[in-house]
Amino acid sequence: MQQSNGAVGFFLRDEAPIAFQPTLAKGNVYVGTSDGRLICLKTGNKDADGWYAWGGNAQHNKIQ
């Protein structure tokens, strides 16, 4: 979703449940699935960075 207007940037459908919170690193979104796969979505957005570990708090939120 885009911060400025809430519009969906992309959509991915996968049958496996997401096992953990996604991580953001160097323009990529990494998601672990319950069937053992790691999915990498290359967003091309340099703002997708800085959330390297699962969990977190409001400090991970970005201010536009």
C-alpha atoms as a PDB file:
ATOM      1  CA  MET A   1       0.000   0.000   0.000  1.00  0.00           C
ATOM      2  CA  GLN A   2       1.180   3.466  -0.729  1.00  0.00           C
ATOM      3  CA  GLN A   3       1.572   5.763   2.272  1.00  0.00           C
ATOM      4  CA  SER A   4       0.299   8.812   0.433  1.00  0.00           C
ATOM      5  CA  ASN A   5      -3.082   7.455  -0.676  1.00  0.00           C
ATOM      6  CA  GLY A   6      -3.520   3.861   0.569  1.00  0.00           C
ATOM      7  CA  ALA A   7      -3.524   2.434  -2.968  1.00  0.00           C
ATOM      8  CA  VAL A   8      -2.407  -1.163  -3.463  1.00  0.00           C
ATOM      9  CA  GLY A   9       1.057  -1.257  -5.039  1.00  0.00           C
ATOM     10  CA  PHE A  10       1.039  -4.962  -5.928  1.00  0.00           C
ATOM     11  CA  PHE A  11      -0.798  -8.133  -4.973  1.00  0.00           C
ATOM     12  CA  LEU A  12       0.555 -11.677  -4.608  1.00  0.00           C
ATOM     13  CA  ARG A  13      -1.579 -14.746  -4.039  1.00  0.00           C
ATOM     14  CA  ASP A  14       0.013 -17.858  -2.569  1.00  0.00           C
ATOM     15  CA  GLU A  15      -1.725 -20.897  -1.085  1.00  0.00           C
ATOM     16  CA  ALA A  16       0.766 -21.346   1.796  1.00  0.00           C
ATOM     17  CA  PRO A  17       0.121 -19.390   5.002  1.00  0.00           C
ATOM     18  CA  ILE A  18       2.664 -16.741   5.977  1.00  0.00           C
ATOM     19  CA  ALA A  19       4.607 -18.043   8.979  1.00  0.00           C
ATOM     20  CA  PHE A  20       6.353 -14.832  10.127  1.00  0.00           C
ATOM     21  CA  GLN A  21       6.148 -11.099   9.706  1.00  0.00           C
ATOM     22  CA  PRO A  22       7.819  -9.926   6.487  1.00  0.00           C
ATOM     23  CA  THR A  23      11.229  -8.276   6.545  1.00  0.00           C
ATOM     24  CA  LEU A  24      12.279  -5.343   4.357  1.00  0.00           C
ATOM     25  CA  ALA A  25      15.838  -5.082   3.085  1.00  0.00           C
ATOM     26  CA  LYS A  26      17.401  -3.104   0.225  1.00  0.00           C
ATOM     27  CA  GLY A  27      14.166  -2.716  -1.737  1.00  0.00           C
ATOM     28  CA  ASN A  28      13.003  -6.300  -1.213  1.00  0.00           C
ATOM     29  CA  VAL A  29      10.223  -7.830   0.884  1.00  0.00           C
ATOM     30  CA  TYR A  30      11.064 -11.273   2.302  1.00  0.00           C
ATOM     31  CA  VAL A  31       8.298 -13.574   3.532  1.00  0.00           C
ATOM     32  CA  GLY A  32       8.631 -17.029   5.114  1.00  0.00           C
ATOM     33  CA  THR A  33       5.823 -19.524   4.467  1.00  0.00           C
ATOM     34  CA  SER A  34       4.615 -22.351   6.650  1.00  0.00           C
ATOM     35  CA  ASP A  35       5.728 -24.914   4.045  1.00  0.00           C
ATOM     36  CA  GLY A  36       9.363 -23.795   4.382  1.00  0.00           C
ATOM     37  CA  ARG A  37       9.745 -21.435   1.444  1.00  0.00           C
ATOM     38  CA  LEU A  38      11.255 -17.969   1.499  1.00  0.00           C
ATOM     39  CA  ILE A  39       9.638 -15.596  -0.988  1.00  0.00           C
ATOM     40  CA  CYS A  40      11.453 -12.466  -2.155  1.00  0.00           C
ATOM     41  CA  LEU A  41       9.442  -9.671  -3.752  1.00  0.00           C
ATOM     42  CA  LYS A  42      11.687  -7.168  -5.526  1.00  0.00           C
ATOM     43  CA  THR A  43       9.772  -3.916  -5.113  1.00  0.00           C
ATOM     44  CA  GLY A  44      12.332  -1.603  -6.675  1.00  0.00           C
ATOM     45  CA  ASN A  45      11.484   0.883  -3.924  1.00  0.00           C
ATOM     46  CA  LYS A  46      14.479   2.046  -1.874  1.00  0.00           C
ATOM     47  CA  ASP A  47      12.046   2.843   0.972  1.00  0.00           C
ATOM     48  CA  ALA A  48      11.570  -0.921   1.505  1.00  0.00           C
ATOM     49  CA  ASP A  49      14.529  -1.178   3.852  1.00  0.00           C
ATOM     50  CA  GLY A  50      15.411  -1.136   7.522  1.00  0.00           C
ATOM     51  CA  TRP A  51      13.130  -3.849   8.894  1.00  0.00           C
ATOM     52  CA  TYR A  52      15.647  -6.697   9.121  1.00  0.00           C
ATOM     53  CA  ALA A  53      14.232  -8.672  12.026  1.00  0.00           C
ATOM     54  CA  TRP A  54      10.789 -10.050  12.821  1.00  0.00           C
ATOM     55  CA  GLY A  55       8.835  -8.158  15.395  1.00  0.00           C
ATOM     56  CA  GLY A  56       9.258  -4.537  16.157  1.00  0.00           C
ATOM     57  CA  ASN A  57       7.283  -1.556  17.269  1.00  0.00           C
ATOM     58  CA  ALA A  58       6.233   1.874  16.043  1.00  0.00           C
ATOM     59  CA  GLN A  59       9.887   2.853  15.465  1.00  0.00           C
ATOM     60  CA  HIS A  60       9.720   0.796  12.252  1.00  0.00           C
ATOM     61  CA  ASN A  61       7.002   3.067  10.856  1.00  0.00           C
ATOM     62  CA  LYS A  62       8.268   5.567   8.361  1.00  0.00           C
ATOM     63  CA  ILE A  63       7.218   9.191   8.244  1.00  0.00           C
ATOM     64  CA  GLN A  64       6.648  10.598   4.803  1.00  0.00           C
END
